[in-house]
Amino acid sequence: VKGRFTISRDNAKNMVYLQMNSLKPEDTAVYYCNAKGVIIPVA
């Protein structure tokens, strides 16, 4: 997806986005948002 998709986030709005351009049939899927803890105690 490099060069076609762009991920961004707006922490003030508690939002994360995925802009998908030049979509291909092989991009067909269920897309899931994920939050991964990186700092103790949520790591």
All heavy atoms as atom14 arrays in JSON, in Angstrom:
{
  "sequence": "VKGRFTISRDNAKNMVYLQMNSLKPEDTAVYYCNAKGVIIPVA",
  "atom14_mask": [
    [1, 1, 1, 1, 1, 1, 1, 0, 0, 0, 0, 0, 0, 0],
    [1, 1, 1, 1, 1, 1, 1, 1, 1, 0, 0, 0, 0, 0],
    [1, 1, 1, 1, 0, 0, 0, 0, 0, 0, 0, 0, 0, 0],
    [1, 1, 1, 1, 1, 1, 1, 1, 1, 1, 1, 0, 0, 0],
    [1, 1, 1, 1, 1, 1, 1, 1, 1, 1, 1, 0, 0, 0],
    [1, 1, 1, 1, 1, 1, 1, 0, 0, 0, 0, 0, 0, 0],
    [1, 1, 1, 1, 1, 1, 1, 1, 0, 0, 0, 0, 0, 0],
    [1, 1, 1, 1, 1, 1, 0, 0, 0, 0, 0, 0, 0, 0],
    [1, 1, 1, 1, 1, 1, 1, 1, 1, 1, 1, 0, 0, 0],
    [1, 1, 1, 1, 1, 1, 1, 1, 0, 0, 0, 0, 0, 0],
    [1, 1, 1, 1, 1, 1, 1, 1, 0, 0, 0, 0, 0, 0],
    [1, 1, 1, 1, 1, 0, 0, 0, 0, 0, 0, 0, 0, 0],
    [1, 1, 1, 1, 1, 1, 1, 1, 1, 0, 0, 0, 0, 0],
    [1, 1, 1, 1, 1, 1, 1, 1, 0, 0, 0, 0, 0, 0],
    [1, 1, 1, 1, 1, 1, 1, 1, 0, 0, 0, 0, 0, 0],
    [1, 1, 1, 1, 1, 1, 1, 0, 0, 0, 0, 0, 0, 0],
    [1, 1, 1, 1, 1, 1, 1, 1, 1, 1, 1, 1, 0, 0],
    [1, 1, 1, 1, 1, 1, 1, 1, 0, 0, 0, 0, 0, 0],
    [1, 1, 1, 1, 1, 1, 1, 1, 1, 0, 0, 0, 0, 0],
    [1, 1, 1, 1, 1, 1, 1, 1, 0, 0, 0, 0, 0, 0],
    [1, 1, 1, 1, 1, 1, 1, 1, 0, 0, 0, 0, 0, 0],
    [1, 1, 1, 1, 1, 1, 0, 0, 0, 0, 0, 0, 0, 0],
    [1, 1, 1, 1, 1, 1, 1, 1, 0, 0, 0, 0, 0, 0],
    [1, 1, 1, 1, 1, 1, 1, 1, 1, 0, 0, 0, 0, 0],
    [1, 1, 1, 1, 1, 1, 1, 0, 0, 0, 0, 0, 0, 0],
    [1, 1, 1, 1, 1, 1, 1, 1, 1, 0, 0, 0, 0, 0],
    [1, 1, 1, 1, 1, 1, 1, 1, 0, 0, 0, 0, 0, 0],
    [1, 1, 1, 1, 1, 1, 1, 0, 0, 0, 0, 0, 0, 0],
    [1, 1, 1, 1, 1, 0, 0, 0, 0, 0, 0, 0, 0, 0],
    [1, 1, 1, 1, 1, 1, 1, 0, 0, 0, 0, 0, 0, 0],
    [1, 1, 1, 1, 1, 1, 1, 1, 1, 1, 1, 1, 0, 0],
    [1, 1, 1, 1, 1, 1, 1, 1, 1, 1, 1, 1, 0, 0],
    [1, 1, 1, 1, 1, 1, 0, 0, 0, 0, 0, 0, 0, 0],
    [1, 1, 1, 1, 1, 1, 1, 1, 0, 0, 0, 0, 0, 0],
    [1, 1, 1, 1, 1, 0, 0, 0, 0, 0, 0, 0, 0, 0],
    [1, 1, 1, 1, 1, 1, 1, 1, 1, 0, 0, 0, 0, 0],
    [1, 1, 1, 1, 0, 0, 0, 0, 0, 0, 0, 0, 0, 0],
    [1, 1, 1, 1, 1, 1, 1, 0, 0, 0, 0, 0, 0, 0],
    [1, 1, 1, 1, 1, 1, 1, 1, 0, 0, 0, 0, 0, 0],
    [1, 1, 1, 1, 1, 1, 1, 1, 0, 0, 0, 0, 0, 0],
    [1, 1, 1, 1, 1, 1, 1, 0, 0, 0, 0, 0, 0, 0],
    [1, 1, 1, 1, 1, 1, 1, 0, 0, 0, 0, 0, 0, 0],
    [1, 1, 1, 1, 1, 0, 0, 0, 0, 0, 0, 0, 0, 0]
  ],
  "atom14_positions": [
    [[0.8, -1.22, 0.0], [0.0, 0.0, 0.0], [0.84, 1.27, 0.0], [0.27, 2.37, -0.07], [-0.98, 0.04, 1.19], [-1.83, -1.23, 1.22], [-0.24, 0.23, 2.51], [0.0, 0.0, 0.0], [0.0, 0.0, 0.0], [0.0, 0.0, 0.0], [0.0, 0.0, 0.0], [0.0, 0.0, 0.0], [0.0, 0.0, 0.0], [0.0, 0.0, 0.0]],
    [[2.14, 1.14, 0.06], [3.0, 2.32, 0.07], [2.77, 3.17, -1.18], [2.7, 2.66, -2.29], [4.47, 1.91, 0.15], [4.9, 1.42, 1.51], [6.38, 1.06, 1.53], [6.81, 0.59, 2.9], [8.24, 0.19, 2.93], [0.0, 0.0, 0.0], [0.0, 0.0, 0.0], [0.0, 0.0, 0.0], [0.0, 0.0, 0.0], [0.0, 0.0, 0.0]],
    [[2.65, 4.46, -0.96], [2.4, 5.38, -2.06], [0.95, 5.54, -2.4], [0.59, 6.43, -3.18], [0.0, 0.0, 0.0], [0.0, 0.0, 0.0], [0.0, 0.0, 0.0], [0.0, 0.0, 0.0], [0.0, 0.0, 0.0], [0.0, 0.0, 0.0], [0.0, 0.0, 0.0], [0.0, 0.0, 0.0], [0.0, 0.0, 0.0], [0.0, 0.0, 0.0]],
    [[0.1, 4.69, -1.86], [-1.33, 4.76, -2.14], [-2.16, 5.1, -0.91], [-3.16, 5.8, -1.01], [-1.83, 3.43, -2.72], [-1.14, 3.03, -4.02], [-1.84, 1.84, -4.67], [-1.78, 0.64, -3.82], [-2.85, 0.0, -3.35], [-4.07, 0.43, -3.64], [-2.7, -1.09, -2.6], [0.0, 0.0, 0.0], [0.0, 0.0, 0.0], [0.0, 0.0, 0.0]],
    [[-1.75, 4.58, 0.24], [-2.49, 4.79, 1.48], [-1.73, 5.74, 2.39], [-0.5, 5.74, 2.41], [-2.7, 3.47, 2.22], [-3.64, 2.5, 1.57], [-4.11, 2.69, 0.28], [-4.05, 1.38, 2.26], [-4.97, 1.78, -0.32], [-4.91, 0.45, 1.68], [-5.37, 0.66, 0.4], [0.0, 0.0, 0.0], [0.0, 0.0, 0.0], [0.0, 0.0, 0.0]],
    [[-2.47, 6.5, 3.17], [-1.87, 7.4, 4.15], [-2.62, 7.29, 5.47], [-3.84, 7.47, 5.5], [-1.9, 8.86, 3.68], [-1.22, 8.98, 2.43], [-1.22, 9.76, 4.71], [0.0, 0.0, 0.0], [0.0, 0.0, 0.0], [0.0, 0.0, 0.0], [0.0, 0.0, 0.0], [0.0, 0.0, 0.0], [0.0, 0.0, 0.0], [0.0, 0.0, 0.0]],
    [[-1.9, 7.0, 6.52], [-2.5, 6.95, 7.84], [-2.19, 8.26, 8.57], [-1.1, 8.82, 8.42], [-1.99, 5.74, 8.66], [-2.78, 5.61, 9.98], [-0.5, 5.83, 8.92], [-2.49, 4.32, 10.73], [0.0, 0.0, 0.0], [0.0, 0.0, 0.0], [0.0, 0.0, 0.0], [0.0, 0.0, 0.0], [0.0, 0.0, 0.0], [0.0, 0.0, 0.0]],
    [[-3.14, 8.74, 9.32], [-2.95, 9.96, 10.09], [-3.79, 9.87, 11.36], [-4.69, 9.04, 11.47], [-3.32, 11.2, 9.28], [-4.68, 11.17, 8.88], [0.0, 0.0, 0.0], [0.0, 0.0, 0.0], [0.0, 0.0, 0.0], [0.0, 0.0, 0.0], [0.0, 0.0, 0.0], [0.0, 0.0, 0.0], [0.0, 0.0, 0.0], [0.0, 0.0, 0.0]],
    [[-3.48, 10.72, 12.3], [-4.26, 10.75, 13.53], [-4.39, 12.17, 14.05], [-3.53, 13.02, 13.8], [-3.64, 9.84, 14.61], [-2.29, 10.28, 15.13], [-1.63, 9.2, 15.99], [-2.31, 9.0, 17.26], [-2.04, 8.02, 18.11], [-1.1, 7.12, 17.81], [-2.7, 7.92, 19.26], [0.0, 0.0, 0.0], [0.0, 0.0, 0.0], [0.0, 0.0, 0.0]],
    [[-5.47, 12.39, 14.74], [-5.72, 13.67, 15.37], [-6.05, 13.36, 16.82], [-7.18, 13.01, 17.15], [-6.87, 14.4, 14.69], [-7.07, 15.81, 15.23], [-6.69, 16.08, 16.37], [-7.63, 16.64, 14.48], [0.0, 0.0, 0.0], [0.0, 0.0, 0.0], [0.0, 0.0, 0.0], [0.0, 0.0, 0.0], [0.0, 0.0, 0.0], [0.0, 0.0, 0.0]],
    [[-5.05, 13.47, 17.67], [-5.24, 13.1, 19.06], [-6.25, 13.99, 19.77], [-6.98, 13.53, 20.66], [-3.9, 13.14, 19.8], [-2.95, 12.05, 19.36], [-3.37, 10.99, 18.91], [-1.65, 12.31, 19.48], [0.0, 0.0, 0.0], [0.0, 0.0, 0.0], [0.0, 0.0, 0.0], [0.0, 0.0, 0.0], [0.0, 0.0, 0.0], [0.0, 0.0, 0.0]],
    [[-6.31, 15.26, 19.38], [-7.26, 16.17, 20.01], [-8.69, 15.75, 19.73], [-9.59, 16.0, 20.54], [-7.02, 17.59, 19.53], [0.0, 0.0, 0.0], [0.0, 0.0, 0.0], [0.0, 0.0, 0.0], [0.0, 0.0, 0.0], [0.0, 0.0, 0.0], [0.0, 0.0, 0.0], [0.0, 0.0, 0.0], [0.0, 0.0, 0.0], [0.0, 0.0, 0.0]],
    [[-8.92, 15.13, 18.57], [-10.25, 14.68, 18.19], [-10.46, 13.19, 18.45], [-11.54, 12.67, 18.14], [-10.52, 14.99, 16.72], [-10.53, 16.47, 16.4], [-10.82, 16.7, 14.92], [-10.86, 18.17, 14.59], [-11.13, 18.42, 13.16], [0.0, 0.0, 0.0], [0.0, 0.0, 0.0], [0.0, 0.0, 0.0], [0.0, 0.0, 0.0], [0.0, 0.0, 0.0]],
    [[-9.45, 12.54, 18.97], [-9.52, 11.1, 19.22], [-9.88, 10.33, 17.95], [-10.75, 9.45, 17.95], [-10.53, 10.79, 20.33], [-10.08, 11.29, 21.68], [-8.9, 11.36, 21.97], [-11.04, 11.63, 22.53], [0.0, 0.0, 0.0], [0.0, 0.0, 0.0], [0.0, 0.0, 0.0], [0.0, 0.0, 0.0], [0.0, 0.0, 0.0], [0.0, 0.0, 0.0]],
    [[-9.19, 10.68, 16.87], [-9.48, 10.08, 15.58], [-8.2, 9.57, 14.9], [-7.13, 10.16, 15.07], [-10.15, 11.08, 14.65], [-11.49, 11.61, 15.13], [-12.8, 10.37, 14.99], [-12.97, 10.28, 13.21], [0.0, 0.0, 0.0], [0.0, 0.0, 0.0], [0.0, 0.0, 0.0], [0.0, 0.0, 0.0], [0.0, 0.0, 0.0], [0.0, 0.0, 0.0]],
    [[-8.34, 8.52, 14.16], [-7.29, 8.04, 13.28], [-7.93, 7.76, 11.92], [-9.08, 7.32, 11.86], [-6.57, 6.8, 13.85], [-7.55, 5.65, 14.04], [-5.41, 6.39, 12.97], [0.0, 0.0, 0.0], [0.0, 0.0, 0.0], [0.0, 0.0, 0.0], [0.0, 0.0, 0.0], [0.0, 0.0, 0.0], [0.0, 0.0, 0.0], [0.0, 0.0, 0.0]],
    [[-7.19, 8.03, 10.86], [-7.74, 7.93, 9.52], [-6.85, 7.08, 8.63], [-5.65, 6.94, 8.85], [-7.85, 9.32, 8.88], [-8.57, 10.34, 9.73], [-7.86, 11.21, 10.56], [-9.95, 10.44, 9.69], [-8.5, 12.15, 11.33], [-10.61, 11.38, 10.47], [-9.88, 12.23, 11.28], [-10.54, 13.16, 12.05], [0.0, 0.0, 0.0], [0.0, 0.0, 0.0]],
    [[-7.47, 6.54, 7.61], [-6.73, 5.87, 6.56], [-7.27, 6.35, 5.22], [-8.39, 6.0, 4.84], [-6.86, 4.35, 6.66], [-6.02, 3.55, 5.65], [-4.53, 3.72, 5.95], [-6.39, 2.08, 5.65], [0.0, 0.0, 0.0], [0.0, 0.0, 0.0], [0.0, 0.0, 0.0], [0.0, 0.0, 0.0], [0.0, 0.0, 0.0], [0.0, 0.0, 0.0]],
    [[-6.48, 7.18, 4.55], [-6.84, 7.64, 3.22], [-6.32, 6.63, 2.21], [-5.12, 6.35, 2.17], [-6.23, 9.01, 2.94], [-6.52, 9.56, 1.55], [-7.98, 9.85, 1.33], [-8.62, 10.46, 2.17], [-8.51, 9.41, 0.2], [0.0, 0.0, 0.0], [0.0, 0.0, 0.0], [0.0, 0.0, 0.0], [0.0, 0.0, 0.0], [0.0, 0.0, 0.0]],
    [[-7.21, 6.08, 1.42], [-6.85, 5.05, 0.47], [-7.11, 5.56, -0.94], [-8.25, 5.87, -1.3], [-7.66, 3.78, 0.72], [-7.52, 3.24, 2.14], [-8.42, 1.68, 2.39], [-10.11, 2.26, 2.23], [0.0, 0.0, 0.0], [0.0, 0.0, 0.0], [0.0, 0.0, 0.0], [0.0, 0.0, 0.0], [0.0, 0.0, 0.0], [0.0, 0.0, 0.0]],
    [[-6.06, 5.65, -1.72], [-6.15, 6.1, -3.11], [-5.71, 4.99, -4.05], [-5.06, 4.03, -3.64], [-5.27, 7.34, -3.32], [-5.67, 8.51, -2.47], [-6.85, 8.74, -2.22], [-4.68, 9.29, -2.02], [0.0, 0.0, 0.0], [0.0, 0.0, 0.0], [0.0, 0.0, 0.0], [0.0, 0.0, 0.0], [0.0, 0.0, 0.0], [0.0, 0.0, 0.0]],
    [[-6.06, 5.16, -5.3], [-5.68, 4.18, -6.33], [-6.01, 2.76, -5.9], [-5.21, 1.84, -6.0], [-4.18, 4.3, -6.65], [-3.86, 5.6, -7.09], [0.0, 0.0, 0.0], [0.0, 0.0, 0.0], [0.0, 0.0, 0.0], [0.0, 0.0, 0.0], [0.0, 0.0, 0.0], [0.0, 0.0, 0.0], [0.0, 0.0, 0.0], [0.0, 0.0, 0.0]],
    [[-7.22, 2.59, -5.43], [-7.63, 1.31, -4.89], [-7.66, 0.22, -5.95], [-8.0, 0.46, -7.11], [-8.99, 1.43, -4.22], [-8.95, 2.09, -2.84], [-10.32, 2.59, -2.43], [-8.42, 1.1, -1.8], [0.0, 0.0, 0.0], [0.0, 0.0, 0.0], [0.0, 0.0, 0.0], [0.0, 0.0, 0.0], [0.0, 0.0, 0.0], [0.0, 0.0, 0.0]],
    [[-7.3, -0.97, -5.53], [-7.25, -2.13, -6.39], [-8.19, -3.2, -5.85], [-8.48, -3.23, -4.66], [-5.82, -2.7, -6.44], [-4.76, -1.7, -6.86], [-3.37, -2.32, -6.74], [-2.29, -1.34, -7.14], [-0.93, -1.94, -7.0], [0.0, 0.0, 0.0], [0.0, 0.0, 0.0], [0.0, 0.0, 0.0], [0.0, 0.0, 0.0], [0.0, 0.0, 0.0]],
    [[-8.64, -4.09, -6.72], [-9.51, -5.17, -6.24], [-8.89, -5.97, -5.09], [-9.62, -6.42, -4.2], [-9.71, -6.04, -7.48], [-9.62, -5.07, -8.61], [-8.53, -4.1, -8.18], [0.0, 0.0, 0.0], [0.0, 0.0, 0.0], [0.0, 0.0, 0.0], [0.0, 0.0, 0.0], [0.0, 0.0, 0.0], [0.0, 0.0, 0.0], [0.0, 0.0, 0.0]],
    [[-7.58, -6.13, -5.1], [-6.92, -6.87, -4.05], [-6.91, -6.15, -2.7], [-6.49, -6.72, -1.69], [-5.48, -7.25, -4.45], [-4.68, -6.1, -5.0], [-4.67, -6.06, -6.52], [-5.74, -6.21, -7.12], [-3.57, -5.9, -7.1], [0.0, 0.0, 0.0], [0.0, 0.0, 0.0], [0.0, 0.0, 0.0], [0.0, 0.0, 0.0], [0.0, 0.0, 0.0]],
    [[-7.36, -4.91, -2.69], [-7.52, -4.19, -1.43], [-8.82, -4.56, -0.72], [-9.05, -4.14, 0.42], [-7.49, -2.68, -1.65], [-6.14, -2.18, -2.13], [-5.11, -2.65, -1.62], [-6.13, -1.31, -3.03], [0.0, 0.0, 0.0], [0.0, 0.0, 0.0], [0.0, 0.0, 0.0], [0.0, 0.0, 0.0], [0.0, 0.0, 0.0], [0.0, 0.0, 0.0]],
    [[-9.66, -5.31, -1.39], [-10.93, -5.71, -0.81], [-10.7, -6.54, 0.45], [-9.98, -7.53, 0.44], [-11.75, -6.53, -1.81], [-12.09, -5.71, -2.93], [-13.03, -7.04, -1.17], [0.0, 0.0, 0.0], [0.0, 0.0, 0.0], [0.0, 0.0, 0.0], [0.0, 0.0, 0.0], [0.0, 0.0, 0.0], [0.0, 0.0, 0.0], [0.0, 0.0, 0.0]],
    [[-11.29, -6.1, 1.55], [-11.11, -6.76, 2.83], [-11.96, -6.06, 3.88], [-12.52, -5.0, 3.64], [-9.63, -6.73, 3.26], [0.0, 0.0, 0.0], [0.0, 0.0, 0.0], [0.0, 0.0, 0.0], [0.0, 0.0, 0.0], [0.0, 0.0, 0.0], [0.0, 0.0, 0.0], [0.0, 0.0, 0.0], [0.0, 0.0, 0.0], [0.0, 0.0, 0.0]],
    [[-12.03, -6.68, 5.03], [-12.55, -5.99, 6.2], [-11.39, -5.28, 6.86], [-10.36, -5.9, 7.14], [-13.22, -6.96, 7.19], [-13.7, -6.21, 8.43], [-14.39, -7.68, 6.53], [0.0, 0.0, 0.0], [0.0, 0.0, 0.0], [0.0, 0.0, 0.0], [0.0, 0.0, 0.0], [0.0, 0.0, 0.0], [0.0, 0.0, 0.0], [0.0, 0.0, 0.0]],
    [[-11.54, -4.01, 7.09], [-10.49, -3.2, 7.69], [-10.8, -2.94, 9.15], [-11.91, -2.54, 9.5], [-10.35, -1.87, 6.94], [-9.64, -2.02, 5.61], [-10.25, -2.66, 4.55], [-8.34, -1.53, 5.43], [-9.6, -2.82, 3.34], [-7.69, -1.68, 4.22], [-8.32, -2.33, 3.18], [-7.67, -2.48, 1.97], [0.0, 0.0, 0.0], [0.0, 0.0, 0.0]],
    [[-9.8, -3.16, 9.98], [-9.96, -3.03, 11.42], [-9.03, -1.96, 11.98], [-7.85, -1.9, 11.63], [-9.63, -4.34, 12.13], [-10.53, -5.5, 11.77], [-10.22, -6.34, 10.71], [-11.69, -5.76, 12.5], [-11.04, -7.41, 10.38], [-12.5, -6.82, 12.18], [-12.18, -7.64, 11.12], [-12.99, -8.7, 10.81], [0.0, 0.0, 0.0], [0.0, 0.0, 0.0]],
    [[-9.57, -1.16, 12.85], [-8.77, -0.2, 13.59], [-8.22, -0.88, 14.84], [-8.91, -1.68, 15.48], [-9.64, 1.0, 13.97], [-8.79, 2.34, 14.81], [0.0, 0.0, 0.0], [0.0, 0.0, 0.0], [0.0, 0.0, 0.0], [0.0, 0.0, 0.0], [0.0, 0.0, 0.0], [0.0, 0.0, 0.0], [0.0, 0.0, 0.0], [0.0, 0.0, 0.0]],
    [[-6.99, -0.56, 15.16], [-6.33, -1.18, 16.31], [-5.6, -0.14, 17.15], [-4.99, 0.79, 16.62], [-5.33, -2.24, 15.82], [-4.4, -2.73, 16.92], [-3.25, -2.31, 17.02], [-4.9, -3.63, 17.75], [0.0, 0.0, 0.0], [0.0, 0.0, 0.0], [0.0, 0.0, 0.0], [0.0, 0.0, 0.0], [0.0, 0.0, 0.0], [0.0, 0.0, 0.0]],
    [[-5.68, -0.3, 18.45], [-4.91, 0.5, 19.38], [-4.0, -0.44, 20.15], [-4.46, -1.41, 20.76], [-5.81, 1.27, 20.33], [0.0, 0.0, 0.0], [0.0, 0.0, 0.0], [0.0, 0.0, 0.0], [0.0, 0.0, 0.0], [0.0, 0.0, 0.0], [0.0, 0.0, 0.0], [0.0, 0.0, 0.0], [0.0, 0.0, 0.0], [0.0, 0.0, 0.0]],
    [[-2.71, -0.17, 20.11], [-1.72, -1.0, 20.77], [-1.06, -0.22, 21.89], [-0.46, 0.83, 21.65], [-0.67, -1.47, 19.77], [0.43, -2.33, 20.38], [1.45, -2.71, 19.32], [2.58, -3.53, 19.9], [3.59, -3.88, 18.87], [0.0, 0.0, 0.0], [0.0, 0.0, 0.0], [0.0, 0.0, 0.0], [0.0, 0.0, 0.0], [0.0, 0.0, 0.0]],
    [[-1.17, -0.73, 23.1], [-0.53, -0.07, 24.23], [0.97, -0.18, 24.13], [1.51, -1.27, 23.89], [0.0, 0.0, 0.0], [0.0, 0.0, 0.0], [0.0, 0.0, 0.0], [0.0, 0.0, 0.0], [0.0, 0.0, 0.0], [0.0, 0.0, 0.0], [0.0, 0.0, 0.0], [0.0, 0.0, 0.0], [0.0, 0.0, 0.0], [0.0, 0.0, 0.0]],
    [[1.66, 0.94, 24.32], [3.11, 0.96, 24.21], [3.8, 1.45, 25.47], [5.03, 1.4, 25.55], [3.56, 1.82, 23.01], [3.08, 1.21, 21.71], [3.06, 3.25, 23.16], [0.0, 0.0, 0.0], [0.0, 0.0, 0.0], [0.0, 0.0, 0.0], [0.0, 0.0, 0.0], [0.0, 0.0, 0.0], [0.0, 0.0, 0.0], [0.0, 0.0, 0.0]],
    [[3.05, 1.91, 26.43], [3.6, 2.41, 27.68], [2.97, 1.68, 28.85], [1.74, 1.54, 28.91], [3.4, 3.93, 27.82], [4.11, 4.67, 26.69], [3.91, 4.42, 29.17], [3.88, 6.16, 26.69], [0.0, 0.0, 0.0], [0.0, 0.0, 0.0], [0.0, 0.0, 0.0], [0.0, 0.0, 0.0], [0.0, 0.0, 0.0], [0.0, 0.0, 0.0]],
    [[3.8, 1.2, 29.77], [3.3, 0.56, 30.98], [2.4, 1.54, 31.74], [2.75, 2.73, 31.85], [4.47, 0.09, 31.87], [5.28, -1.0, 31.14], [3.99, -0.41, 33.22], [6.55, -1.39, 31.85], [0.0, 0.0, 0.0], [0.0, 0.0, 0.0], [0.0, 0.0, 0.0], [0.0, 0.0, 0.0], [0.0, 0.0, 0.0], [0.0, 0.0, 0.0]],
    [[1.25, 1.13, 32.23], [0.78, -0.25, 32.42], [-0.04, -0.83, 31.28], [-0.54, -1.96, 31.41], [-0.08, -0.14, 33.68], [-0.71, 1.2, 33.54], [0.38, 2.08, 32.96], [0.0, 0.0, 0.0], [0.0, 0.0, 0.0], [0.0, 0.0, 0.0], [0.0, 0.0, 0.0], [0.0, 0.0, 0.0], [0.0, 0.0, 0.0], [0.0, 0.0, 0.0]],
    [[-0.22, -0.1, 30.18], [-1.05, -0.61, 29.09], [-0.22, -1.29, 28.02], [-0.79, -1.8, 27.05], [-1.92, 0.5, 28.46], [-2.83, 1.12, 29.51], [-1.05, 1.56, 27.8], [0.0, 0.0, 0.0], [0.0, 0.0, 0.0], [0.0, 0.0, 0.0], [0.0, 0.0, 0.0], [0.0, 0.0, 0.0], [0.0, 0.0, 0.0], [0.0, 0.0, 0.0]],
    [[1.08, -1.3, 28.15], [1.93, -1.94, 27.15], [1.51, -3.4, 26.97], [1.28, -4.12, 27.94], [3.39, -1.86, 27.57], [0.0, 0.0, 0.0], [0.0, 0.0, 0.0], [0.0, 0.0, 0.0], [0.0, 0.0, 0.0], [0.0, 0.0, 0.0], [0.0, 0.0, 0.0], [0.0, 0.0, 0.0], [0.0, 0.0, 0.0], [0.0, 0.0, 0.0]]
  ]
}
